[in-house]
């Protein structure tokens, strides 16, 4: 990319970071982005961010269309929303769930000023130490992004298992055996430096299995990352969805047999 000041190649993203840092305002160190259409579980997600032991957080609630604003505002009125900043889009970008929050995740990282950026879907939640454990990893030299592990719950929050068969980073998941699908990290498990996600967010602009497409391109561009190896994300399965609880249990059993000497992602 050309540096418009001198016509030579330069660290454009580094220059933007410098401009943001020199703007004369103190920015909260962590931004959490949550796209929402007013899920009944949004309050749970908001509460989990409020409960983080890392205090320097701005929780950006992105309402995906004017038609959902009233419902989201009602949820916020009954939640601990002091860490929340609400942004209402004039129209829906998720197209009835076909793109979920992908276009929001593809665009909003370019608009926030925080040093670190995390994603949280409206129907999931974090353990209180999630953000602090991610920030600790990102604070190390030459680490461009990090991820955690996740726990799986039913739609009504009954614990199923720690996920050791799907969101396991670079290792082939159980769905690779079943469907030929590639590796991935769950959206809610990521933490990025702002300059990292600014250069890769557009990979979320993808219609199907965008999480796997994003992970592939993120690893190719930024191979320096770490896992916390902690199960600090709580992932809610969809009611009557494509992934039943038994699938996770079956997948974990398969992985334990395959890696009998020890799971390599832990």
C-alpha atoms as a PDB file:
ATOM      1  CA  UNK A   1       0.000   0.000   0.000  1.00  0.00           C
ATOM      2  CA  UNK A   2       1.367   3.462  -0.882  1.00  0.00           C
ATOM      3  CA  UNK A   3       2.061   6.072   1.730  1.00  0.00           C
ATOM      4  CA  UNK A   4       0.302   9.118   0.235  1.00  0.00           C
ATOM      5  CA  UNK A   5       2.735  11.516   1.905  1.00  0.00           C
ATOM      6  CA  UNK A   6       5.833  10.357   0.059  1.00  0.00           C
ATOM      7  CA  UNK A   7       4.675   7.809  -2.525  1.00  0.00           C
ATOM      8  CA  UNK A   8       6.623   4.951  -0.954  1.00  0.00           C
ATOM      9  CA  UNK A   9       5.533   1.778   0.746  1.00  0.00           C
ATOM     10  CA  UNK A  10       5.050   2.334   4.432  1.00  0.00           C
ATOM     11  CA  UNK A  11       3.400   1.098   7.579  1.00  0.00           C
ATOM     12  CA  UNK A  12       0.005   2.651   6.908  1.00  0.00           C
ATOM     13  CA  UNK A  13      -1.662   0.799   9.784  1.00  0.00           C
ATOM     14  CA  UNK A  14       1.088   1.894  12.146  1.00  0.00           C
ATOM     15  CA  UNK A  15       0.559   5.502  11.079  1.00  0.00           C
ATOM     16  CA  UNK A  16      -3.174   5.218  11.718  1.00  0.00           C
ATOM     17  CA  UNK A  17      -2.474   3.756  15.168  1.00  0.00           C
ATOM     18  CA  UNK A  18      -0.195   6.699  15.890  1.00  0.00           C
ATOM     19  CA  UNK A  19      -2.836   9.206  14.788  1.00  0.00           C
ATOM     20  CA  UNK A  20      -5.459   7.555  17.008  1.00  0.00           C
ATOM     21  CA  UNK A  21      -3.031   7.538  19.921  1.00  0.00           C
ATOM     22  CA  UNK A  22      -2.097  11.194  19.429  1.00  0.00           C
ATOM     23  CA  UNK A  23      -5.681  12.454  19.237  1.00  0.00           C
ATOM     24  CA  UNK A  24      -5.460  13.863  22.754  1.00  0.00           C
ATOM     25  CA  UNK A  25      -8.159  11.618  24.225  1.00  0.00           C
ATOM     26  CA  UNK A  26      -7.810   8.669  26.549  1.00  0.00           C
ATOM     27  CA  UNK A  27      -9.364   5.577  24.991  1.00  0.00           C
ATOM     28  CA  UNK A  28     -10.482   2.540  26.940  1.00  0.00           C
ATOM     29  CA  UNK A  29      -7.960  -0.233  26.328  1.00  0.00           C
ATOM     30  CA  UNK A  30     -10.504  -2.889  25.282  1.00  0.00           C
ATOM     31  CA  UNK A  31     -13.477  -2.700  22.923  1.00  0.00           C
ATOM     32  CA  UNK A  32     -15.992  -5.546  22.855  1.00  0.00           C
ATOM     33  CA  UNK A  33     -18.231  -5.626  19.770  1.00  0.00           C
ATOM     34  CA  UNK A  34     -21.643  -7.301  20.006  1.00  0.00           C
ATOM     35  CA  UNK A  35     -24.029  -7.281  17.025  1.00  0.00           C
ATOM     36  CA  UNK A  36     -27.629  -7.697  18.153  1.00  0.00           C
ATOM     37  CA  UNK A  37     -31.207  -7.981  16.988  1.00  0.00           C
ATOM     38  CA  UNK A  38     -32.483  -8.070  20.558  1.00  0.00           C
ATOM     39  CA  UNK A  39     -31.985 -11.687  21.567  1.00  0.00           C
ATOM     40  CA  UNK A  40     -33.542 -12.636  24.886  1.00  0.00           C
ATOM     41  CA  UNK A  41     -30.024 -13.659  25.912  1.00  0.00           C
ATOM     42  CA  UNK A  42     -28.436 -10.253  25.244  1.00  0.00           C
ATOM     43  CA  UNK A  43     -28.723  -9.264  28.899  1.00  0.00           C
ATOM     44  CA  UNK A  44     -26.646 -12.305  29.865  1.00  0.00           C
ATOM     45  CA  UNK A  45     -23.904 -11.264  27.450  1.00  0.00           C
ATOM     46  CA  UNK A  46     -23.941  -7.674  28.746  1.00  0.00           C
ATOM     47  CA  UNK A  47     -23.784  -8.837  32.360  1.00  0.00           C
ATOM     48  CA  UNK A  48     -20.776 -11.031  31.610  1.00  0.00           C
ATOM     49  CA  UNK A  49     -18.880  -8.041  30.209  1.00  0.00           C
ATOM     50  CA  UNK A  50     -19.901  -5.918  33.200  1.00  0.00           C
ATOM     51  CA  UNK A  51     -18.541  -8.660  35.497  1.00  0.00           C
ATOM     52  CA  UNK A  52     -15.082  -8.781  33.888  1.00  0.00           C
ATOM     53  CA  UNK A  53     -12.194  -8.312  36.311  1.00  0.00           C
ATOM     54  CA  UNK A  54     -10.527  -6.135  33.660  1.00  0.00           C
ATOM     55  CA  UNK A  55     -12.196  -2.767  34.172  1.00  0.00           C
ATOM     56  CA  UNK A  56     -11.054  -0.785  31.141  1.00  0.00           C
ATOM     57  CA  UNK A  57     -13.741  -1.921  28.662  1.00  0.00           C
ATOM     58  CA  UNK A  58     -16.134  -0.277  26.219  1.00  0.00           C
ATOM     59  CA  UNK A  59     -18.898  -2.693  25.190  1.00  0.00           C
ATOM     60  CA  UNK A  60     -20.148  -1.583  21.787  1.00  0.00           C
ATOM     61  CA  UNK A  61     -23.705  -2.818  21.244  1.00  0.00           C
ATOM     62  CA  UNK A  62     -24.445  -2.641  17.509  1.00  0.00           C
ATOM     63  CA  UNK A  63     -28.183  -2.836  16.840  1.00  0.00           C
ATOM     64  CA  UNK A  64     -28.569  -4.459  13.432  1.00  0.00           C
ATOM     65  CA  UNK A  65     -31.473  -2.388  12.114  1.00  0.00           C
ATOM     66  CA  UNK A  66     -33.874   0.293  13.360  1.00  0.00           C
ATOM     67  CA  UNK A  67     -36.634  -2.284  13.762  1.00  0.00           C
ATOM     68  CA  UNK A  68     -34.722  -3.851  16.663  1.00  0.00           C
ATOM     69  CA  UNK A  69     -33.810  -0.673  18.568  1.00  0.00           C
ATOM     70  CA  UNK A  70     -36.780  -0.572  20.928  1.00  0.00           C
ATOM     71  CA  UNK A  71     -36.339  -4.187  21.992  1.00  0.00           C
ATOM     72  CA  UNK A  72     -32.605  -3.709  22.571  1.00  0.00           C
ATOM     73  CA  UNK A  73     -33.188  -0.504  24.563  1.00  0.00           C
ATOM     74  CA  UNK A  74     -35.660  -2.366  26.750  1.00  0.00           C
ATOM     75  CA  UNK A  75     -33.108  -5.100  27.454  1.00  0.00           C
ATOM     76  CA  UNK A  76     -30.454  -2.501  28.239  1.00  0.00           C
ATOM     77  CA  UNK A  77     -32.751  -0.738  30.696  1.00  0.00           C
ATOM     78  CA  UNK A  78     -32.830  -3.872  32.821  1.00  0.00           C
ATOM     79  CA  UNK A  79     -29.132  -4.706  32.536  1.00  0.00           C
ATOM     80  CA  UNK A  80     -25.889  -3.438  34.035  1.00  0.00           C
ATOM     81  CA  UNK A  81     -25.155  -1.427  30.912  1.00  0.00           C
ATOM     82  CA  UNK A  82     -22.770   1.203  32.282  1.00  0.00           C
ATOM     83  CA  UNK A  83     -19.986  -0.200  30.102  1.00  0.00           C
ATOM     84  CA  UNK A  84     -22.170  -0.135  26.980  1.00  0.00           C
ATOM     85  CA  UNK A  85     -22.139   2.228  24.024  1.00  0.00           C
ATOM     86  CA  UNK A  86     -25.082   1.739  21.664  1.00  0.00           C
ATOM     87  CA  UNK A  87     -24.889   2.197  17.906  1.00  0.00           C
ATOM     88  CA  UNK A  88     -28.061   1.687  15.842  1.00  0.00           C
ATOM     89  CA  UNK A  89     -27.703   0.826  12.159  1.00  0.00           C
ATOM     90  CA  UNK A  90     -30.401   2.259   9.860  1.00  0.00           C
ATOM     91  CA  UNK A  91     -31.013  -1.122   8.222  1.00  0.00           C
ATOM     92  CA  UNK A  92     -30.378  -4.798   8.839  1.00  0.00           C
ATOM     93  CA  UNK A  93     -27.089  -6.309   7.625  1.00  0.00           C
ATOM     94  CA  UNK A  94     -27.508  -9.884   8.870  1.00  0.00           C
ATOM     95  CA  UNK A  95     -30.237 -10.816   6.402  1.00  0.00           C
ATOM     96  CA  UNK A  96     -32.350 -12.908   8.768  1.00  0.00           C
ATOM     97  CA  UNK A  97     -29.334 -14.729  10.176  1.00  0.00           C
ATOM     98  CA  UNK A  98     -27.795 -15.736   6.859  1.00  0.00           C
ATOM     99  CA  UNK A  99     -24.876 -13.409   7.558  1.00  0.00           C
ATOM    100  CA  UNK A 100     -25.415 -13.174  11.338  1.00  0.00           C
ATOM    101  CA  UNK A 101     -23.149 -10.377  12.583  1.00  0.00           C
ATOM    102  CA  UNK A 102     -20.478 -10.998   9.991  1.00  0.00           C
ATOM    103  CA  UNK A 103     -20.723  -7.661   8.203  1.00  0.00           C
ATOM    104  CA  UNK A 104     -20.613  -5.851  11.534  1.00  0.00           C
ATOM    105  CA  UNK A 105     -17.508  -7.799  12.548  1.00  0.00           C
ATOM    106  CA  UNK A 106     -16.052  -6.950   9.129  1.00  0.00           C
ATOM    107  CA  UNK A 107     -16.519  -3.200   9.517  1.00  0.00           C
ATOM    108  CA  UNK A 108     -16.678  -2.005  13.128  1.00  0.00           C
ATOM    109  CA  UNK A 109     -13.103  -2.953  14.103  1.00  0.00           C
ATOM    110  CA  UNK A 110     -12.006  -0.137  11.774  1.00  0.00           C
ATOM    111  CA  UNK A 111     -14.064   2.395  13.726  1.00  0.00           C
ATOM    112  CA  UNK A 112     -13.046   1.816  17.349  1.00  0.00           C
ATOM    113  CA  UNK A 113     -10.104   3.461  19.094  1.00  0.00           C
ATOM    114  CA  UNK A 114      -9.253   0.830  21.706  1.00  0.00           C
ATOM    115  CA  UNK A 115      -5.917  -0.971  21.588  1.00  0.00           C
ATOM    116  CA  UNK A 116      -7.502  -4.422  21.839  1.00  0.00           C
ATOM    117  CA  UNK A 117     -10.708  -5.689  20.227  1.00  0.00           C
ATOM    118  CA  UNK A 118     -12.851  -8.707  21.131  1.00  0.00           C
ATOM    119  CA  UNK A 119     -16.097 -10.102  19.726  1.00  0.00           C
ATOM    120  CA  UNK A 120     -19.056 -11.402  21.715  1.00  0.00           C
ATOM    121  CA  UNK A 121     -22.202 -12.765  20.075  1.00  0.00           C
ATOM    122  CA  UNK A 122     -25.448 -11.716  21.728  1.00  0.00           C
ATOM    123  CA  UNK A 123     -26.394 -15.219  22.868  1.00  0.00           C
ATOM    124  CA  UNK A 124     -23.090 -16.192  24.518  1.00  0.00           C
ATOM    125  CA  UNK A 125     -21.211 -15.032  27.611  1.00  0.00           C
ATOM    126  CA  UNK A 126     -17.760 -14.963  29.224  1.00  0.00           C
ATOM    127  CA  UNK A 127     -16.250 -15.981  32.535  1.00  0.00           C
ATOM    128  CA  UNK A 128     -15.073 -12.962  34.611  1.00  0.00           C
ATOM    129  CA  UNK A 129     -11.377 -13.499  33.860  1.00  0.00           C
ATOM    130  CA  UNK A 130     -11.783 -13.871  30.089  1.00  0.00           C
ATOM    131  CA  UNK A 131     -10.755 -10.371  29.009  1.00  0.00           C
ATOM    132  CA  UNK A 132      -7.856 -10.069  31.457  1.00  0.00           C
ATOM    133  CA  UNK A 133      -6.432 -13.414  30.343  1.00  0.00           C
ATOM    134  CA  UNK A 134      -6.648 -12.322  26.703  1.00  0.00           C
ATOM    135  CA  UNK A 135      -5.061  -8.929  27.359  1.00  0.00           C
ATOM    136  CA  UNK A 136      -2.204 -10.640  29.211  1.00  0.00           C
ATOM    137  CA  UNK A 137      -1.424 -12.707  26.108  1.00  0.00           C
ATOM    138  CA  UNK A 138      -1.655  -9.721  23.765  1.00  0.00           C
ATOM    139  CA  UNK A 139       0.738  -7.827  26.008  1.00  0.00           C
ATOM    140  CA  UNK A 140       3.562 -10.158  25.048  1.00  0.00           C
ATOM    141  CA  UNK A 141       5.990  -9.218  22.280  1.00  0.00           C
ATOM    142  CA  UNK A 142       5.231 -10.340  18.733  1.00  0.00           C
ATOM    143  CA  UNK A 143       1.757 -11.690  19.558  1.00  0.00           C
ATOM    144  CA  UNK A 144      -0.735 -10.341  17.023  1.00  0.00           C
ATOM    145  CA  UNK A 145      -3.850 -12.082  18.320  1.00  0.00           C
ATOM    146  CA  UNK A 146      -4.944 -14.652  20.845  1.00  0.00           C
ATOM    147  CA  UNK A 147      -7.798 -17.008  21.536  1.00  0.00           C
ATOM    148  CA  UNK A 148      -9.360 -18.922  24.389  1.00  0.00           C
ATOM    149  CA  UNK A 149     -11.137 -22.241  24.555  1.00  0.00           C
ATOM    150  CA  UNK A 150     -14.884 -22.577  25.136  1.00  0.00           C
ATOM    151  CA  UNK A 151     -17.445 -24.493  27.145  1.00  0.00           C
ATOM    152  CA  UNK A 152     -20.632 -25.750  25.501  1.00  0.00           C
ATOM    153  CA  UNK A 153     -24.103 -25.251  26.970  1.00  0.00           C
ATOM    154  CA  UNK A 154     -27.570 -26.201  25.836  1.00  0.00           C
ATOM    155  CA  UNK A 155     -30.026 -23.522  24.757  1.00  0.00           C
ATOM    156  CA  UNK A 156     -31.292 -23.268  28.344  1.00  0.00           C
ATOM    157  CA  UNK A 157     -27.783 -23.119  29.880  1.00  0.00           C
ATOM    158  CA  UNK A 158     -27.227 -26.716  30.923  1.00  0.00           C
ATOM    159  CA  UNK A 159     -23.499 -27.475  30.763  1.00  0.00           C
ATOM    160  CA  UNK A 160     -22.608 -30.055  28.101  1.00  0.00           C
ATOM    161  CA  UNK A 161     -18.796 -30.246  27.980  1.00  0.00           C
ATOM    162  CA  UNK A 162     -15.594 -28.353  27.404  1.00  0.00           C
ATOM    163  CA  UNK A 163     -15.167 -28.097  23.648  1.00  0.00           C
ATOM    164  CA  UNK A 164     -12.244 -30.300  22.632  1.00  0.00           C
ATOM    165  CA  UNK A 165     -13.494 -31.227  19.184  1.00  0.00           C
ATOM    166  CA  UNK A 166     -14.458 -28.084  17.238  1.00  0.00           C
ATOM    167  CA  UNK A 167     -13.011 -24.692  18.228  1.00  0.00           C
ATOM    168  CA  UNK A 168      -9.479 -26.013  18.739  1.00  0.00           C
ATOM    169  CA  UNK A 169      -7.379 -23.716  16.576  1.00  0.00           C
ATOM    170  CA  UNK A 170      -5.124 -25.125  13.893  1.00  0.00           C
ATOM    171  CA  UNK A 171      -6.004 -28.770  14.582  1.00  0.00           C
ATOM    172  CA  UNK A 172      -8.549 -30.534  12.337  1.00  0.00           C
ATOM    173  CA  UNK A 173     -11.927 -30.462  14.106  1.00  0.00           C
ATOM    174  CA  UNK A 174     -14.425 -33.274  14.359  1.00  0.00           C
ATOM    175  CA  UNK A 175     -16.439 -31.585  11.604  1.00  0.00           C
ATOM    176  CA  UNK A 176     -13.472 -32.136   9.284  1.00  0.00           C
ATOM    177  CA  UNK A 177     -13.918 -35.878   9.732  1.00  0.00           C
ATOM    178  CA  UNK A 178     -17.707 -35.639   9.367  1.00  0.00           C
ATOM    179  CA  UNK A 179     -18.037 -33.011   6.626  1.00  0.00           C
ATOM    180  CA  UNK A 180     -14.552 -32.116   5.395  1.00  0.00           C
ATOM    181  CA  UNK A 181     -14.755 -28.677   7.016  1.00  0.00           C
ATOM    182  CA  UNK A 182     -11.491 -26.896   7.934  1.00  0.00           C
ATOM    183  CA  UNK A 183     -10.161 -25.687  11.268  1.00  0.00           C
ATOM    184  CA  UNK A 184     -11.437 -22.597  13.069  1.00  0.00           C
ATOM    185  CA  UNK A 185     -11.671 -20.639  16.291  1.00  0.00           C
ATOM    186  CA  UNK A 186     -15.083 -19.613  17.567  1.00  0.00           C
ATOM    187  CA  UNK A 187     -15.894 -15.918  17.092  1.00  0.00           C
ATOM    188  CA  UNK A 188     -16.325 -15.316  20.825  1.00  0.00           C
ATOM    189  CA  UNK A 189     -12.872 -16.712  21.640  1.00  0.00           C
ATOM    190  CA  UNK A 190     -10.782 -14.165  19.713  1.00  0.00           C
ATOM    191  CA  UNK A 191      -8.822 -11.154  20.970  1.00  0.00           C
ATOM    192  CA  UNK A 192      -6.918  -8.899  18.566  1.00  0.00           C
ATOM    193  CA  UNK A 193      -4.551  -6.015  18.477  1.00  0.00           C
ATOM    194  CA  UNK A 194      -6.373  -3.243  16.634  1.00  0.00           C
ATOM    195  CA  UNK A 195      -3.818  -3.160  13.810  1.00  0.00           C
ATOM    196  CA  UNK A 196      -4.218  -6.941  13.322  1.00  0.00           C
ATOM    197  CA  UNK A 197      -7.989  -6.974  12.956  1.00  0.00           C
ATOM    198  CA  UNK A 198      -7.915  -3.767  10.876  1.00  0.00           C
ATOM    199  CA  UNK A 199      -5.998  -5.711   8.224  1.00  0.00           C
ATOM    200  CA  UNK A 200      -8.124  -8.863   8.375  1.00  0.00           C
ATOM    201  CA  UNK A 201     -11.667  -7.868   9.380  1.00  0.00           C
ATOM    202  CA  UNK A 202     -12.808  -7.859   5.753  1.00  0.00           C
ATOM    203  CA  UNK A 203     -12.434 -11.648   5.685  1.00  0.00           C
ATOM    204  CA  UNK A 204     -15.673 -11.771   7.695  1.00  0.00           C
ATOM    205  CA  UNK A 205     -17.411 -10.551   4.546  1.00  0.00           C
ATOM    206  CA  UNK A 206     -18.259 -14.112   3.597  1.00  0.00           C
ATOM    207  CA  UNK A 207     -21.620 -15.889   3.296  1.00  0.00           C
ATOM    208  CA  UNK A 208     -21.022 -19.429   4.536  1.00  0.00           C
ATOM    209  CA  UNK A 209     -18.788 -20.785   7.285  1.00  0.00           C
ATOM    210  CA  UNK A 210     -17.278 -17.347   7.564  1.00  0.00           C
ATOM    211  CA  UNK A 211     -15.599 -18.276  10.849  1.00  0.00           C
ATOM    212  CA  UNK A 212     -13.467 -20.878   9.079  1.00  0.00           C
ATOM    213  CA  UNK A 213     -12.714 -18.602   6.131  1.00  0.00           C
ATOM    214  CA  UNK A 214     -11.698 -15.833   8.513  1.00  0.00           C
ATOM    215  CA  UNK A 215      -9.479 -18.137  10.596  1.00  0.00           C
ATOM    216  CA  UNK A 216      -7.660 -19.454   7.523  1.00  0.00           C
ATOM    217  CA  UNK A 217      -6.834 -15.974   6.261  1.00  0.00           C
ATOM    218  CA  UNK A 218      -6.009 -14.599   9.706  1.00  0.00           C
ATOM    219  CA  UNK A 219      -3.447 -17.368  10.302  1.00  0.00           C
ATOM    220  CA  UNK A 220      -1.928 -16.854   6.863  1.00  0.00           C
ATOM    221  CA  UNK A 221      -1.412 -13.133   7.434  1.00  0.00           C
ATOM    222  CA  UNK A 222      -0.667 -13.181  11.165  1.00  0.00           C
ATOM    223  CA  UNK A 223       0.790 -16.560  12.191  1.00  0.00           C
ATOM    224  CA  UNK A 224       2.060 -15.252  15.544  1.00  0.00           C
ATOM    225  CA  UNK A 225      -0.665 -16.007  18.086  1.00  0.00           C
ATOM    226  CA  UNK A 226      -1.233 -17.738  21.409  1.00  0.00           C
ATOM    227  CA  UNK A 227      -3.986 -19.701  23.099  1.00  0.00           C
ATOM    228  CA  UNK A 228      -4.861 -19.094  26.721  1.00  0.00           C
ATOM    229  CA  UNK A 229      -5.781 -22.798  26.964  1.00  0.00           C
ATOM    230  CA  UNK A 230      -8.551 -21.661  29.321  1.00  0.00           C
ATOM    231  CA  UNK A 231     -12.247 -22.413  28.801  1.00  0.00           C
ATOM    232  CA  UNK A 232     -13.481 -18.884  29.509  1.00  0.00           C
ATOM    233  CA  UNK A 233     -16.100 -18.601  26.738  1.00  0.00           C
ATOM    234  CA  UNK A 234     -19.575 -20.038  27.282  1.00  0.00           C
ATOM    235  CA  UNK A 235     -21.190 -21.019  23.996  1.00  0.00           C
ATOM    236  CA  UNK A 236     -24.920 -21.568  23.798  1.00  0.00           C
ATOM    237  CA  UNK A 237     -26.191 -24.165  21.322  1.00  0.00           C
ATOM    238  CA  UNK A 238     -29.242 -23.198  19.299  1.00  0.00           C
ATOM    239  CA  UNK A 239     -32.501 -24.817  20.296  1.00  0.00           C
ATOM    240  CA  UNK A 240     -33.182 -27.619  17.802  1.00  0.00           C
ATOM    241  CA  UNK A 241     -30.118 -26.384  15.921  1.00  0.00           C
ATOM    242  CA  UNK A 242     -27.758 -28.254  13.582  1.00  0.00           C
ATOM    243  CA  UNK A 243     -25.332 -29.129  16.409  1.00  0.00           C
ATOM    244  CA  UNK A 244     -26.993 -31.164  19.193  1.00  0.00           C
ATOM    245  CA  UNK A 245     -25.252 -31.707  22.551  1.00  0.00           C
ATOM    246  CA  UNK A 246     -24.551 -35.345  21.675  1.00  0.00           C
ATOM    247  CA  UNK A 247     -22.409 -34.204  18.755  1.00  0.00           C
ATOM    248  CA  UNK A 248     -19.996 -32.436  21.116  1.00  0.00           C
ATOM    249  CA  UNK A 249     -19.857 -35.399  23.483  1.00  0.00           C
ATOM    250  CA  UNK A 250     -19.244 -37.764  20.569  1.00  0.00           C
ATOM    251  CA  UNK A 251     -16.601 -35.464  19.096  1.00  0.00           C
ATOM    252  CA  UNK A 252     -14.768 -35.129  22.401  1.00  0.00           C
ATOM    253  CA  UNK A 253     -14.718 -38.897  22.781  1.00  0.00           C
ATOM    254  CA  UNK A 254     -13.244 -39.242  19.293  1.00  0.00           C
ATOM    255  CA  UNK A 255     -10.517 -36.679  20.043  1.00  0.00           C
ATOM    256  CA  UNK A 256      -9.602 -38.317  23.351  1.00  0.00           C
ATOM    257  CA  UNK A 257      -9.087 -41.593  21.518  1.00  0.00           C
ATOM    258  CA  UNK A 258      -7.171 -39.954  18.665  1.00  0.00           C
ATOM    259  CA  UNK A 259      -4.873 -38.008  21.000  1.00  0.00           C
ATOM    260  CA  UNK A 260      -4.597 -40.558  23.793  1.00  0.00           C
ATOM    261  CA  UNK A 261      -1.202 -39.173  24.828  1.00  0.00           C
ATOM    262  CA  UNK A 262      -2.712 -35.755  25.486  1.00  0.00           C
ATOM    263  CA  UNK A 263      -4.705 -33.116  23.638  1.00  0.00           C
ATOM    264  CA  UNK A 264      -2.122 -30.980  21.786  1.00  0.00           C
ATOM    265  CA  UNK A 265      -4.087 -27.713  22.043  1.00  0.00           C
ATOM    266  CA  UNK A 266      -3.914 -27.774  25.846  1.00  0.00           C
END
